[in-house]
Amino acid sequence: MSKIVSTLPGFRPGQAAQPVSGSSGSDVALAEQFFVTQRQVSDVTLMLAEELVGFGTRRWQAQISLMEGLRRCSDLQEAMELQMRFIAETSTAYADEAEQVLRSVRARAMAEGPARQAA
């Protein structure tokens, strides 16, 4: 990090950051690129958070349904069958969620790739 920071124009170790006046065009372009990159990271983070919160909610609902179903079971065999179905459905749900997240990230990257190259 210090190697990168020390190459910044006007950087003096130990000096507090000061507003830049009279910045060159390349300084402004660098700052704008940093802002665009930060915005893209934030957008992806928010997209993933929304997806994972939704997934977590669906998993909690499935867990509640399992508990309700177990209360209605009349014998051990019925309870075991319900739990085995739950485990199979849970495995499928996690695999499907992983695919969905990968598809979302890939689609986002593909959409931003051409936009980045055009800029």
PDB file of N, CA and C in Angstrom:
ATOM      1  N   MET A   1       0.822  -1.188   0.000  1.00  0.00           N
ATOM      2  CA  MET A   1       0.000   0.000   0.000  1.00  0.00           C
ATOM      3  C   MET A   1       0.867   1.253   0.000  1.00  0.00           C
ATOM      4  N   SER A   2       1.889   1.288   0.857  1.00  0.00           N
ATOM      5  CA  SER A   2       2.718   2.489   0.934  1.00  0.00           C
ATOM      6  C   SER A   2       3.414   2.759  -0.392  1.00  0.00           C
ATOM      7  N   LYS A   3       3.747   1.711  -1.132  1.00  0.00           N
ATOM      8  CA  LYS A   3       4.393   1.886  -2.433  1.00  0.00           C
ATOM      9  C   LYS A   3       3.444   2.601  -3.390  1.00  0.00           C
ATOM     10  N   ILE A   4       2.170   2.216  -3.365  1.00  0.00           N
ATOM     11  CA  ILE A   4       1.180   2.841  -4.244  1.00  0.00           C
ATOM     12  C   ILE A   4       0.930   4.280  -3.812  1.00  0.00           C
ATOM     13  N   VAL A   5       0.682   4.484  -2.519  1.00  0.00           N
ATOM     14  CA  VAL A   5       0.372   5.817  -2.018  1.00  0.00           C
ATOM     15  C   VAL A   5       1.534   6.767  -2.236  1.00  0.00           C
ATOM     16  N   SER A   6       2.755   6.295  -2.057  1.00  0.00           N
ATOM     17  CA  SER A   6       3.908   7.183  -2.184  1.00  0.00           C
ATOM     18  C   SER A   6       4.108   7.684  -3.607  1.00  0.00           C
ATOM     19  N   THR A   7       3.499   7.056  -4.584  1.00  0.00           N
ATOM     20  CA  THR A   7       3.642   7.508  -5.968  1.00  0.00           C
ATOM     21  C   THR A   7       2.565   8.510  -6.362  1.00  0.00           C
ATOM     22  N   LEU A   8       1.607   8.781  -5.479  1.00  0.00           N
ATOM     23  CA  LEU A   8       0.569   9.743  -5.805  1.00  0.00           C
ATOM     24  C   LEU A   8       1.149  11.147  -5.844  1.00  0.00           C
ATOM     25  N   PRO A   9       0.738  11.961  -6.833  1.00  0.00           N
ATOM     26  CA  PRO A   9       1.266  13.324  -6.930  1.00  0.00           C
ATOM     27  C   PRO A   9       0.941  14.124  -5.669  1.00  0.00           C
ATOM     28  N   GLY A  10       1.918  14.821  -5.132  1.00  0.00           N
ATOM     29  CA  GLY A  10       1.694  15.684  -3.986  1.00  0.00           C
ATOM     30  C   GLY A  10       1.643  14.962  -2.658  1.00  0.00           C
ATOM     31  N   PHE A  11       1.859  13.652  -2.642  1.00  0.00           N
ATOM     32  CA  PHE A  11       1.810  12.902  -1.379  1.00  0.00           C
ATOM     33  C   PHE A  11       3.075  13.132  -0.572  1.00  0.00           C
ATOM     34  N   ARG A  12       2.885  13.475   0.709  1.00  0.00           N
ATOM     35  CA  ARG A  12       4.013  13.590   1.637  1.00  0.00           C
ATOM     36  C   ARG A  12       3.662  12.749   2.852  1.00  0.00           C
ATOM     37  N   PRO A  13       4.501  11.754   3.184  1.00  0.00           N
ATOM     38  CA  PRO A  13       4.215  10.907   4.341  1.00  0.00           C
ATOM     39  C   PRO A  13       3.986  11.736   5.596  1.00  0.00           C
ATOM     40  N   GLY A  14       2.964  11.366   6.378  1.00  0.00           N
ATOM     41  CA  GLY A  14       2.664  12.042   7.632  1.00  0.00           C
ATOM     42  C   GLY A  14       1.793  13.273   7.481  1.00  0.00           C
ATOM     43  N   GLN A  15       1.523  13.698   6.259  1.00  0.00           N
ATOM     44  CA  GLN A  15       0.705  14.889   6.038  1.00  0.00           C
ATOM     45  C   GLN A  15      -0.761  14.480   5.924  1.00  0.00           C
ATOM     46  N   ALA A  16      -1.640  15.235   6.557  1.00  0.00           N
ATOM     47  CA  ALA A  16      -3.074  14.967   6.459  1.00  0.00           C
ATOM     48  C   ALA A  16      -3.542  15.253   5.038  1.00  0.00           C
ATOM     49  N   ALA A  17      -4.562  14.549   4.618  1.00  0.00           N
ATOM     50  CA  ALA A  17      -5.103  14.753   3.272  1.00  0.00           C
ATOM     51  C   ALA A  17      -5.658  16.166   3.152  1.00  0.00           C
ATOM     52  N   GLN A  18      -5.375  16.797   2.047  1.00  0.00           N
ATOM     53  CA  GLN A  18      -5.833  18.150   1.775  1.00  0.00           C
ATOM     54  C   GLN A  18      -6.653  18.141   0.496  1.00  0.00           C
ATOM     55  N   PRO A  19      -7.646  19.021   0.406  1.00  0.00           N
ATOM     56  CA  PRO A  19      -8.379  19.121  -0.847  1.00  0.00           C
ATOM     57  C   PRO A  19      -7.425  19.494  -1.977  1.00  0.00           C
ATOM     58  N   VAL A  20      -7.644  18.927  -3.128  1.00  0.00           N
ATOM     59  CA  VAL A  20      -6.777  19.177  -4.271  1.00  0.00           C
ATOM     60  C   VAL A  20      -7.353  20.338  -5.067  1.00  0.00           C
ATOM     61  N   SER A  21      -6.535  21.351  -5.267  1.00  0.00           N
ATOM     62  CA  SER A  21      -6.968  22.466  -6.101  1.00  0.00           C
ATOM     63  C   SER A  21      -6.120  22.461  -7.361  1.00  0.00           C
ATOM     64  N   GLY A  22      -6.704  22.859  -8.454  1.00  0.00           N
ATOM     65  CA  GLY A  22      -5.969  22.900  -9.703  1.00  0.00           C
ATOM     66  C   GLY A  22      -5.556  21.519 -10.180  1.00  0.00           C
ATOM     67  N   SER A  23      -6.396  20.528  -9.951  1.00  0.00           N
ATOM     68  CA  SER A  23      -6.069  19.165 -10.363  1.00  0.00           C
ATOM     69  C   SER A  23      -5.954  19.077 -11.872  1.00  0.00           C
ATOM     70  N   SER A  24      -5.046  18.241 -12.310  1.00  0.00           N
ATOM     71  CA  SER A  24      -4.894  18.036 -13.747  1.00  0.00           C
ATOM     72  C   SER A  24      -6.026  17.147 -14.244  1.00  0.00           C
ATOM     73  N   GLY A  25      -6.184  17.102 -15.536  1.00  0.00           N
ATOM     74  CA  GLY A  25      -7.217  16.261 -16.137  1.00  0.00           C
ATOM     75  C   GLY A  25      -7.037  14.803 -15.787  1.00  0.00           C
ATOM     76  N   SER A  26      -5.788  14.348 -15.698  1.00  0.00           N
ATOM     77  CA  SER A  26      -5.555  12.944 -15.382  1.00  0.00           C
ATOM     78  C   SER A  26      -5.938  12.634 -13.935  1.00  0.00           C
ATOM     79  N   ASP A  27      -5.761  13.622 -13.024  1.00  0.00           N
ATOM     80  CA  ASP A  27      -6.184  13.428 -11.633  1.00  0.00           C
ATOM     81  C   ASP A  27      -7.699  13.273 -11.556  1.00  0.00           C
ATOM     82  N   VAL A  28      -8.398  14.115 -12.291  1.00  0.00           N
ATOM     83  CA  VAL A  28      -9.859  14.053 -12.305  1.00  0.00           C
ATOM     84  C   VAL A  28     -10.326  12.744 -12.924  1.00  0.00           C
ATOM     85  N   ALA A  29      -9.702  12.344 -14.011  1.00  0.00           N
ATOM     86  CA  ALA A  29     -10.072  11.079 -14.662  1.00  0.00           C
ATOM     87  C   ALA A  29      -9.831   9.893 -13.727  1.00  0.00           C
ATOM     88  N   LEU A  30      -8.730   9.926 -12.995  1.00  0.00           N
ATOM     89  CA  LEU A  30      -8.426   8.857 -12.043  1.00  0.00           C
ATOM     90  C   LEU A  30      -9.475   8.818 -10.938  1.00  0.00           C
ATOM     91  N   ALA A  31      -9.843   9.992 -10.424  1.00  0.00           N
ATOM     92  CA  ALA A  31     -10.863  10.068  -9.375  1.00  0.00           C
ATOM     93  C   ALA A  31     -12.204   9.575  -9.898  1.00  0.00           C
ATOM     94  N   GLU A  32     -12.559   9.946 -11.120  1.00  0.00           N
ATOM     95  CA  GLU A  32     -13.825   9.490 -11.703  1.00  0.00           C
ATOM     96  C   GLU A  32     -13.826   7.976 -11.896  1.00  0.00           C
ATOM     97  N   GLN A  33     -12.699   7.418 -12.350  1.00  0.00           N
ATOM     98  CA  GLN A  33     -12.612   5.969 -12.525  1.00  0.00           C
ATOM     99  C   GLN A  33     -12.738   5.260 -11.187  1.00  0.00           C
ATOM    100  N   PHE A  34     -12.129   5.803 -10.154  1.00  0.00           N
ATOM    101  CA  PHE A  34     -12.249   5.231  -8.819  1.00  0.00           C
ATOM    102  C   PHE A  34     -13.700   5.244  -8.368  1.00  0.00           C
ATOM    103  N   PHE A  35     -14.395   6.356  -8.601  1.00  0.00           N
ATOM    104  CA  PHE A  35     -15.802   6.465  -8.228  1.00  0.00           C
ATOM    105  C   PHE A  35     -16.640   5.436  -8.974  1.00  0.00           C
ATOM    106  N   VAL A  36     -16.412   5.285 -10.265  1.00  0.00           N
ATOM    107  CA  VAL A  36     -17.164   4.309 -11.068  1.00  0.00           C
ATOM    108  C   VAL A  36     -16.917   2.895 -10.539  1.00  0.00           C
ATOM    109  N   THR A  37     -15.671   2.574 -10.259  1.00  0.00           N
ATOM    110  CA  THR A  37     -15.333   1.244  -9.746  1.00  0.00           C
ATOM    111  C   THR A  37     -15.990   1.012  -8.393  1.00  0.00           C
ATOM    112  N   GLN A  38     -15.929   2.002  -7.523  1.00  0.00           N
ATOM    113  CA  GLN A  38     -16.553   1.875  -6.195  1.00  0.00           C
ATOM    114  C   GLN A  38     -18.060   1.691  -6.323  1.00  0.00           C
ATOM    115  N   ARG A  39     -18.657   2.393  -7.242  1.00  0.00           N
ATOM    116  CA  ARG A  39     -20.110   2.269  -7.468  1.00  0.00           C
ATOM    117  C   ARG A  39     -20.453   0.864  -7.951  1.00  0.00           C
ATOM    118  N   GLN A  40     -19.647   0.310  -8.849  1.00  0.00           N
ATOM    119  CA  GLN A  40     -19.883  -1.038  -9.355  1.00  0.00           C
ATOM    120  C   GLN A  40     -19.771  -2.065  -8.228  1.00  0.00           C
ATOM    121  N   VAL A  41     -18.767  -1.914  -7.383  1.00  0.00           N
ATOM    122  CA  VAL A  41     -18.604  -2.824  -6.242  1.00  0.00           C
ATOM    123  C   VAL A  41     -19.808  -2.712  -5.319  1.00  0.00           C
ATOM    124  N   SER A  42     -20.257  -1.499  -5.055  1.00  0.00           N
ATOM    125  CA  SER A  42     -21.428  -1.304  -4.194  1.00  0.00           C
ATOM    126  C   SER A  42     -22.675  -1.919  -4.802  1.00  0.00           C
ATOM    127  N   ASP A  43     -22.857  -1.752  -6.105  1.00  0.00           N
ATOM    128  CA  ASP A  43     -24.024  -2.321  -6.781  1.00  0.00           C
ATOM    129  C   ASP A  43     -24.040  -3.848  -6.673  1.00  0.00           C
ATOM    130  N   VAL A  44     -22.890  -4.467  -6.892  1.00  0.00           N
ATOM    131  CA  VAL A  44     -22.806  -5.930  -6.802  1.00  0.00           C
ATOM    132  C   VAL A  44     -23.040  -6.382  -5.364  1.00  0.00           C
ATOM    133  N   THR A  45     -22.470  -5.664  -4.411  1.00  0.00           N
ATOM    134  CA  THR A  45     -22.657  -6.011  -3.003  1.00  0.00           C
ATOM    135  C   THR A  45     -24.129  -5.941  -2.620  1.00  0.00           C
ATOM    136  N   LEU A  46     -24.812  -4.895  -3.034  1.00  0.00           N
ATOM    137  CA  LEU A  46     -26.234  -4.760  -2.732  1.00  0.00           C
ATOM    138  C   LEU A  46     -27.067  -5.841  -3.422  1.00  0.00           C
ATOM    139  N   MET A  47     -26.727  -6.149  -4.663  1.00  0.00           N
ATOM    140  CA  MET A  47     -27.443  -7.199  -5.383  1.00  0.00           C
ATOM    141  C   MET A  47     -27.299  -8.538  -4.662  1.00  0.00           C
ATOM    142  N   LEU A  48     -26.064  -8.858  -4.247  1.00  0.00           N
ATOM    143  CA  LEU A  48     -25.828 -10.115  -3.540  1.00  0.00           C
ATOM    144  C   LEU A  48     -26.522 -10.128  -2.183  1.00  0.00           C
ATOM    145  N   ALA A  49     -26.493  -9.019  -1.480  1.00  0.00           N
ATOM    146  CA  ALA A  49     -27.160  -8.948  -0.176  1.00  0.00           C
ATOM    147  C   ALA A  49     -28.654  -9.183  -0.326  1.00  0.00           C
ATOM    148  N   GLU A  50     -29.261  -8.556  -1.318  1.00  0.00           N
ATOM    149  CA  GLU A  50     -30.696  -8.741  -1.548  1.00  0.00           C
ATOM    150  C   GLU A  50     -31.013 -10.204  -1.862  1.00  0.00           C
ATOM    151  N   GLU A  51     -30.218 -10.798  -2.714  1.00  0.00           N
ATOM    152  CA  GLU A  51     -30.430 -12.203  -3.089  1.00  0.00           C
ATOM    153  C   GLU A  51     -30.282 -13.127  -1.873  1.00  0.00           C
ATOM    154  N   LEU A  52     -29.244 -12.905  -1.093  1.00  0.00           N
ATOM    155  CA  LEU A  52     -28.983 -13.791   0.040  1.00  0.00           C
ATOM    156  C   LEU A  52     -29.974 -13.595   1.181  1.00  0.00           C
ATOM    157  N   VAL A  53     -30.450 -12.376   1.381  1.00  0.00           N
ATOM    158  CA  VAL A  53     -31.487 -12.156   2.394  1.00  0.00           C
ATOM    159  C   VAL A  53     -32.775 -12.870   1.974  1.00  0.00           C
ATOM    160  N   GLY A  54     -33.109 -12.783   0.699  1.00  0.00           N
ATOM    161  CA  GLY A  54     -34.288 -13.500   0.196  1.00  0.00           C
ATOM    162  C   GLY A  54     -34.135 -15.005   0.369  1.00  0.00           C
ATOM    163  N   PHE A  55     -32.955 -15.502   0.076  1.00  0.00           N
ATOM    164  CA  PHE A  55     -32.698 -16.935   0.234  1.00  0.00           C
ATOM    165  C   PHE A  55     -32.810 -17.335   1.705  1.00  0.00           C
ATOM    166  N   GLY A  56     -32.218 -16.543   2.582  1.00  0.00           N
ATOM    167  CA  GLY A  56     -32.304 -16.833   4.015  1.00  0.00           C
ATOM    168  C   GLY A  56     -33.744 -16.852   4.507  1.00  0.00           C
ATOM    169  N   THR A  57     -34.539 -15.923   4.012  1.00  0.00           N
ATOM    170  CA  THR A  57     -35.953 -15.873   4.379  1.00  0.00           C
ATOM    171  C   THR A  57     -36.680 -17.139   3.922  1.00  0.00           C
ATOM    172  N   ARG A  58     -36.407 -17.545   2.689  1.00  0.00           N
ATOM    173  CA  ARG A  58     -37.043 -18.778   2.190  1.00  0.00           C
ATOM    174  C   ARG A  58     -36.602 -19.996   2.995  1.00  0.00           C
ATOM    175  N   ARG A  59     -35.345 -20.030   3.409  1.00  0.00           N
ATOM    176  CA  ARG A  59     -34.853 -21.168   4.206  1.00  0.00           C
ATOM    177  C   ARG A  59     -35.518 -21.202   5.577  1.00  0.00           C
ATOM    178  N   TRP A  60     -35.685 -20.024   6.207  1.00  0.00           N
ATOM    179  CA  TRP A  60     -36.380 -19.984   7.495  1.00  0.00           C
ATOM    180  C   TRP A  60     -37.818 -20.441   7.346  1.00  0.00           C
ATOM    181  N   GLN A  61     -38.486 -20.030   6.280  1.00  0.00           N
ATOM    182  CA  GLN A  61     -39.862 -20.456   6.049  1.00  0.00           C
ATOM    183  C   GLN A  61     -39.934 -21.976   5.872  1.00  0.00           C
ATOM    184  N   ALA A  62     -38.962 -22.542   5.163  1.00  0.00           N
ATOM    185  CA  ALA A  62     -38.925 -23.996   4.984  1.00  0.00           C
ATOM    186  C   ALA A  62     -38.693 -24.697   6.321  1.00  0.00           C
ATOM    187  N   GLN A  63     -37.832 -24.125   7.157  1.00  0.00           N
ATOM    188  CA  GLN A  63     -37.566 -24.708   8.478  1.00  0.00           C
ATOM    189  C   GLN A  63     -38.827 -24.688   9.345  1.00  0.00           C
ATOM    190  N   ILE A  64     -39.557 -23.590   9.293  1.00  0.00           N
ATOM    191  CA  ILE A  64     -40.812 -23.492  10.044  1.00  0.00           C
ATOM    192  C   ILE A  64     -41.814 -24.526   9.533  1.00  0.00           C
ATOM    193  N   SER A  65     -41.891 -24.670   8.223  1.00  0.00           N
ATOM    194  CA  SER A  65     -42.799 -25.672   7.639  1.00  0.00           C
ATOM    195  C   SER A  65     -42.416 -27.076   8.087  1.00  0.00           C
ATOM    196  N   LEU A  66     -41.124 -27.339   8.160  1.00  0.00           N
ATOM    197  CA  LEU A  66     -40.678 -28.651   8.635  1.00  0.00           C
ATOM    198  C   LEU A  66     -41.144 -28.881  10.070  1.00  0.00           C
ATOM    199  N   MET A  67     -40.950 -27.906  10.924  1.00  0.00           N
ATOM    200  CA  MET A  67     -41.362 -28.055  12.326  1.00  0.00           C
ATOM    201  C   MET A  67     -42.872 -28.274  12.442  1.00  0.00           C
ATOM    202  N   GLU A  68     -43.635 -27.523  11.644  1.00  0.00           N
ATOM    203  CA  GLU A  68     -45.096 -27.709  11.650  1.00  0.00           C
ATOM    204  C   GLU A  68     -45.458 -29.107  11.161  1.00  0.00           C
ATOM    205  N   GLY A  69     -44.764 -29.566  10.120  1.00  0.00           N
ATOM    206  CA  GLY A  69     -45.026 -30.901   9.587  1.00  0.00           C
ATOM    207  C   GLY A  69     -44.672 -31.996  10.583  1.00  0.00           C
ATOM    208  N   LEU A  70     -43.577 -31.827  11.294  1.00  0.00           N
ATOM    209  CA  LEU A  70     -43.180 -32.824  12.292  1.00  0.00           C
ATOM    210  C   LEU A  70     -44.209 -32.923  13.416  1.00  0.00           C
ATOM    211  N   ARG A  71     -44.818 -31.807  13.761  1.00  0.00           N
ATOM    212  CA  ARG A  71     -45.864 -31.830  14.796  1.00  0.00           C
ATOM    213  C   ARG A  71     -47.066 -32.660  14.363  1.00  0.00           C
ATOM    214  N   ARG A  72     -47.317 -32.704  13.051  1.00  0.00           N
ATOM    215  CA  ARG A  72     -48.482 -33.436  12.536  1.00  0.00           C
ATOM    216  C   ARG A  72     -48.195 -34.918  12.287  1.00  0.00           C
ATOM    217  N   CYS A  73     -46.919 -35.308  12.336  1.00  0.00           N
ATOM    218  CA  CYS A  73     -46.574 -36.713  12.065  1.00  0.00           C
ATOM    219  C   CYS A  73     -47.155 -37.620  13.145  1.00  0.00           C
ATOM    220  N   SER A  74     -47.649 -38.771  12.685  1.00  0.00           N
ATOM    221  CA  SER A  74     -48.277 -39.696  13.635  1.00  0.00           C
ATOM    222  C   SER A  74     -47.318 -40.786  14.119  1.00  0.00           C
ATOM    223  N   ASP A  75     -46.201 -40.988  13.389  1.00  0.00           N
ATOM    224  CA  ASP A  75     -45.241 -42.003  13.834  1.00  0.00           C
ATOM    225  C   ASP A  75     -43.831 -41.643  13.371  1.00  0.00           C
ATOM    226  N   LEU A  76     -42.872 -42.420  13.843  1.00  0.00           N
ATOM    227  CA  LEU A  76     -41.457 -42.159  13.562  1.00  0.00           C
ATOM    228  C   LEU A  76     -41.149 -42.255  12.074  1.00  0.00           C
ATOM    229  N   GLN A  77     -41.717 -43.230  11.387  1.00  0.00           N
ATOM    230  CA  GLN A  77     -41.438 -43.396   9.963  1.00  0.00           C
ATOM    231  C   GLN A  77     -41.890 -42.169   9.171  1.00  0.00           C
ATOM    232  N   GLU A  78     -43.061 -41.664   9.470  1.00  0.00           N
ATOM    233  CA  GLU A  78     -43.569 -40.471   8.785  1.00  0.00           C
ATOM    234  C   GLU A  78     -42.649 -39.267   9.045  1.00  0.00           C
ATOM    235  N   ALA A  79     -42.188 -39.136  10.282  1.00  0.00           N
ATOM    236  CA  ALA A  79     -41.288 -38.036  10.634  1.00  0.00           C
ATOM    237  C   ALA A  79     -39.957 -38.165   9.895  1.00  0.00           C
ATOM    238  N   MET A  80     -39.426 -39.385   9.812  1.00  0.00           N
ATOM    239  CA  MET A  80     -38.161 -39.609   9.108  1.00  0.00           C
ATOM    240  C   MET A  80     -38.301 -39.308   7.617  1.00  0.00           C
ATOM    241  N   GLU A  81     -39.409 -39.713   7.019  1.00  0.00           N
ATOM    242  CA  GLU A  81     -39.639 -39.426   5.601  1.00  0.00           C
ATOM    243  C   GLU A  81     -39.722 -37.921   5.357  1.00  0.00           C
ATOM    244  N   LEU A  82     -40.406 -37.212   6.259  1.00  0.00           N
ATOM    245  CA  LEU A  82     -40.514 -35.758   6.125  1.00  0.00           C
ATOM    246  C   LEU A  82     -39.135 -35.110   6.234  1.00  0.00           C
ATOM    247  N   GLN A  83     -38.340 -35.557   7.177  1.00  0.00           N
ATOM    248  CA  GLN A  83     -36.990 -34.999   7.329  1.00  0.00           C
ATOM    249  C   GLN A  83     -36.106 -35.312   6.127  1.00  0.00           C
ATOM    250  N   MET A  84     -36.215 -36.498   5.575  1.00  0.00           N
ATOM    251  CA  MET A  84     -35.423 -36.849   4.389  1.00  0.00           C
ATOM    252  C   MET A  84     -35.823 -35.987   3.192  1.00  0.00           C
ATOM    253  N   ARG A  85     -37.124 -35.735   3.028  1.00  0.00           N
ATOM    254  CA  ARG A  85     -37.582 -34.832   1.955  1.00  0.00           C
ATOM    255  C   ARG A  85     -37.030 -33.426   2.181  1.00  0.00           C
ATOM    256  N   PHE A  86     -37.067 -32.999   3.439  1.00  0.00           N
ATOM    257  CA  PHE A  86     -36.558 -31.661   3.775  1.00  0.00           C
ATOM    258  C   PHE A  86     -35.071 -31.554   3.433  1.00  0.00           C
ATOM    259  N   ILE A  87     -34.300 -32.564   3.774  1.00  0.00           N
ATOM    260  CA  ILE A  87     -32.857 -32.549   3.483  1.00  0.00           C
ATOM    261  C   ILE A  87     -32.614 -32.508   1.975  1.00  0.00           C
ATOM    262  N   ALA A  88     -33.363 -33.317   1.230  1.00  0.00           N
ATOM    263  CA  ALA A  88     -33.205 -33.324  -0.230  1.00  0.00           C
ATOM    264  C   ALA A  88     -33.577 -31.965  -0.823  1.00  0.00           C
ATOM    265  N   GLU A  89     -34.698 -31.398  -0.363  1.00  0.00           N
ATOM    266  CA  GLU A  89     -35.130 -30.097  -0.863  1.00  0.00           C
ATOM    267  C   GLU A  89     -34.135 -28.994  -0.477  1.00  0.00           C
ATOM    268  N   THR A  90     -33.568 -29.101   0.718  1.00  0.00           N
ATOM    269  CA  THR A  90     -32.588 -28.118   1.170  1.00  0.00           C
ATOM    270  C   THR A  90     -31.329 -28.174   0.312  1.00  0.00           C
ATOM    271  N   SER A  91     -30.870 -29.385   0.029  1.00  0.00           N
ATOM    272  CA  SER A  91     -29.682 -29.537  -0.824  1.00  0.00           C
ATOM    273  C   SER A  91     -29.928 -28.924  -2.193  1.00  0.00           C
ATOM    274  N   THR A  92     -31.084 -29.187  -2.752  1.00  0.00           N
ATOM    275  CA  THR A  92     -31.443 -28.637  -4.056  1.00  0.00           C
ATOM    276  C   THR A  92     -31.533 -27.108  -3.984  1.00  0.00           C
ATOM    277  N   ALA A  93     -32.130 -26.599  -2.911  1.00  0.00           N
ATOM    278  CA  ALA A  93     -32.279 -25.146  -2.764  1.00  0.00           C
ATOM    279  C   ALA A  93     -30.918 -24.457  -2.699  1.00  0.00           C
ATOM    280  N   TYR A  94     -29.977 -25.040  -1.956  1.00  0.00           N
ATOM    281  CA  TYR A  94     -28.643 -24.435  -1.871  1.00  0.00           C
ATOM    282  C   TYR A  94     -27.922 -24.489  -3.218  1.00  0.00           C
ATOM    283  N   ALA A  95     -28.043 -25.598  -3.924  1.00  0.00           N
ATOM    284  CA  ALA A  95     -27.408 -25.701  -5.245  1.00  0.00           C
ATOM    285  C   ALA A  95     -28.029 -24.694  -6.213  1.00  0.00           C
ATOM    286  N   ASP A  96     -29.355 -24.586  -6.181  1.00  0.00           N
ATOM    287  CA  ASP A  96     -30.040 -23.627  -7.050  1.00  0.00           C
ATOM    288  C   ASP A  96     -29.637 -22.196  -6.716  1.00  0.00           C
ATOM    289  N   GLU A  97     -29.497 -21.900  -5.419  1.00  0.00           N
ATOM    290  CA  GLU A  97     -29.112 -20.547  -5.014  1.00  0.00           C
ATOM    291  C   GLU A  97     -27.696 -20.222  -5.480  1.00  0.00           C
ATOM    292  N   ALA A  98     -26.804 -21.177  -5.349  1.00  0.00           N
ATOM    293  CA  ALA A  98     -25.426 -20.950  -5.809  1.00  0.00           C
ATOM    294  C   ALA A  98     -25.424 -20.662  -7.310  1.00  0.00           C
ATOM    295  N   GLU A  99     -26.197 -21.402  -8.081  1.00  0.00           N
ATOM    296  CA  GLU A  99     -26.289 -21.153  -9.524  1.00  0.00           C
ATOM    297  C   GLU A  99     -26.877 -19.781  -9.814  1.00  0.00           C
ATOM    298  N   GLN A 100     -27.913 -19.398  -9.052  1.00  0.00           N
ATOM    299  CA  GLN A 100     -28.545 -18.095  -9.252  1.00  0.00           C
ATOM    300  C   GLN A 100     -27.564 -16.964  -8.975  1.00  0.00           C
ATOM    301  N   VAL A 101     -26.817 -17.072  -7.901  1.00  0.00           N
ATOM    302  CA  VAL A 101     -25.838 -16.031  -7.569  1.00  0.00           C
ATOM    303  C   VAL A 101     -24.777 -15.945  -8.658  1.00  0.00           C
ATOM    304  N   LEU A 102     -24.281 -17.086  -9.109  1.00  0.00           N
ATOM    305  CA  LEU A 102     -23.273 -17.080 -10.181  1.00  0.00           C
ATOM    306  C   LEU A 102     -23.823 -16.474 -11.462  1.00  0.00           C
ATOM    307  N   ARG A 103     -25.066 -16.816 -11.804  1.00  0.00           N
ATOM    308  CA  ARG A 103     -25.685 -16.237 -13.003  1.00  0.00           C
ATOM    309  C   ARG A 103     -25.815 -14.720 -12.866  1.00  0.00           C
ATOM    310  N   SER A 104     -26.227 -14.269 -11.698  1.00  0.00           N
ATOM    311  CA  SER A 104     -26.400 -12.827 -11.480  1.00  0.00           C
ATOM    312  C   SER A 104     -25.075 -12.088 -11.588  1.00  0.00           C
ATOM    313  N   VAL A 105     -24.048 -12.630 -10.962  1.00  0.00           N
ATOM    314  CA  VAL A 105     -22.735 -11.991 -11.009  1.00  0.00           C
ATOM    315  C   VAL A 105     -22.189 -12.014 -12.436  1.00  0.00           C
ATOM    316  N   ARG A 106     -22.344 -13.140 -13.118  1.00  0.00           N
ATOM    317  CA  ARG A 106     -21.869 -13.251 -14.497  1.00  0.00           C
ATOM    318  C   ARG A 106     -22.601 -12.263 -15.404  1.00  0.00           C
ATOM    319  N   ALA A 107     -23.928 -12.163 -15.255  1.00  0.00           N
ATOM    320  CA  ALA A 107     -24.702 -11.237 -16.083  1.00  0.00           C
ATOM    321  C   ALA A 107     -24.279  -9.800 -15.821  1.00  0.00           C
ATOM    322  N   ARG A 108     -24.025  -9.496 -14.548  1.00  0.00           N
ATOM    323  CA  ARG A 108     -23.582  -8.148 -14.189  1.00  0.00           C
ATOM    324  C   ARG A 108     -22.221  -7.844 -14.815  1.00  0.00           C
ATOM    325  N   ALA A 109     -21.317  -8.816 -14.723  1.00  0.00           N
ATOM    326  CA  ALA A 109     -19.980  -8.627 -15.293  1.00  0.00           C
ATOM    327  C   ALA A 109     -20.044  -8.475 -16.806  1.00  0.00           C
ATOM    328  N   MET A 110     -20.880  -9.254 -17.449  1.00  0.00           N
ATOM    329  CA  MET A 110     -21.015  -9.163 -18.912  1.00  0.00           C
ATOM    330  C   MET A 110     -21.612  -7.815 -19.320  1.00  0.00           C
ATOM    331  N   ALA A 111     -22.576  -7.323 -18.544  1.00  0.00           N
ATOM    332  CA  ALA A 111     -23.195  -6.049 -18.869  1.00  0.00           C
ATOM    333  C   ALA A 111     -22.225  -4.898 -18.657  1.00  0.00           C
ATOM    334  N   GLU A 112     -21.382  -4.992 -17.632  1.00  0.00           N
ATOM    335  CA  GLU A 112     -20.449  -3.908 -17.334  1.00  0.00           C
ATOM    336  C   GLU A 112     -19.189  -3.977 -18.193  1.00  0.00           C
ATOM    337  N   GLY A 113     -18.828  -5.160 -18.659  1.00  0.00           N
ATOM    338  CA  GLY A 113     -17.633  -5.313 -19.480  1.00  0.00           C
ATOM    339  C   GLY A 113     -17.661  -4.440 -20.722  1.00  0.00           C
ATOM    340  N   PRO A 114     -18.705  -4.563 -21.584  1.00  0.00           N
ATOM    341  CA  PRO A 114     -18.778  -3.699 -22.768  1.00  0.00           C
ATOM    342  C   PRO A 114     -18.872  -2.220 -22.418  1.00  0.00           C
ATOM    343  N   ALA A 115     -19.578  -1.904 -21.334  1.00  0.00           N
ATOM    344  CA  ALA A 115     -19.714  -0.489 -20.937  1.00  0.00           C
ATOM    345  C   ALA A 115     -18.347   0.057 -20.530  1.00  0.00           C
ATOM    346  N   ARG A 116     -17.557  -0.746 -19.834  1.00  0.00           N
ATOM    347  CA  ARG A 116     -16.230  -0.316 -19.384  1.00  0.00           C
ATOM    348  C   ARG A 116     -15.319  -0.126 -20.586  1.00  0.00           C
ATOM    349  N   GLN A 117     -15.419  -1.040 -21.570  1.00  0.00           N
ATOM    350  CA  GLN A 117     -14.545  -0.943 -22.741  1.00  0.00           C
ATOM    351  C   GLN A 117     -14.922   0.264 -23.599  1.00  0.00           C
ATOM    352  N   ALA A 118     -16.215   0.618 -23.633  1.00  0.00           N
ATOM    353  CA  ALA A 118     -16.655   1.744 -24.431  1.00  0.00           C
ATOM    354  C   ALA A 118     -16.221   3.081 -23.836  1.00  0.00           C
ATOM    355  N   ALA A 119     -16.023   3.109 -22.514  1.00  0.00           N
ATOM    356  CA  ALA A 119     -15.684   4.375 -21.849  1.00  0.00           C
ATOM    357  C   ALA A 119     -14.266   4.802 -22.105  1.00  0.00           C
TER     358      ALA A 119
END
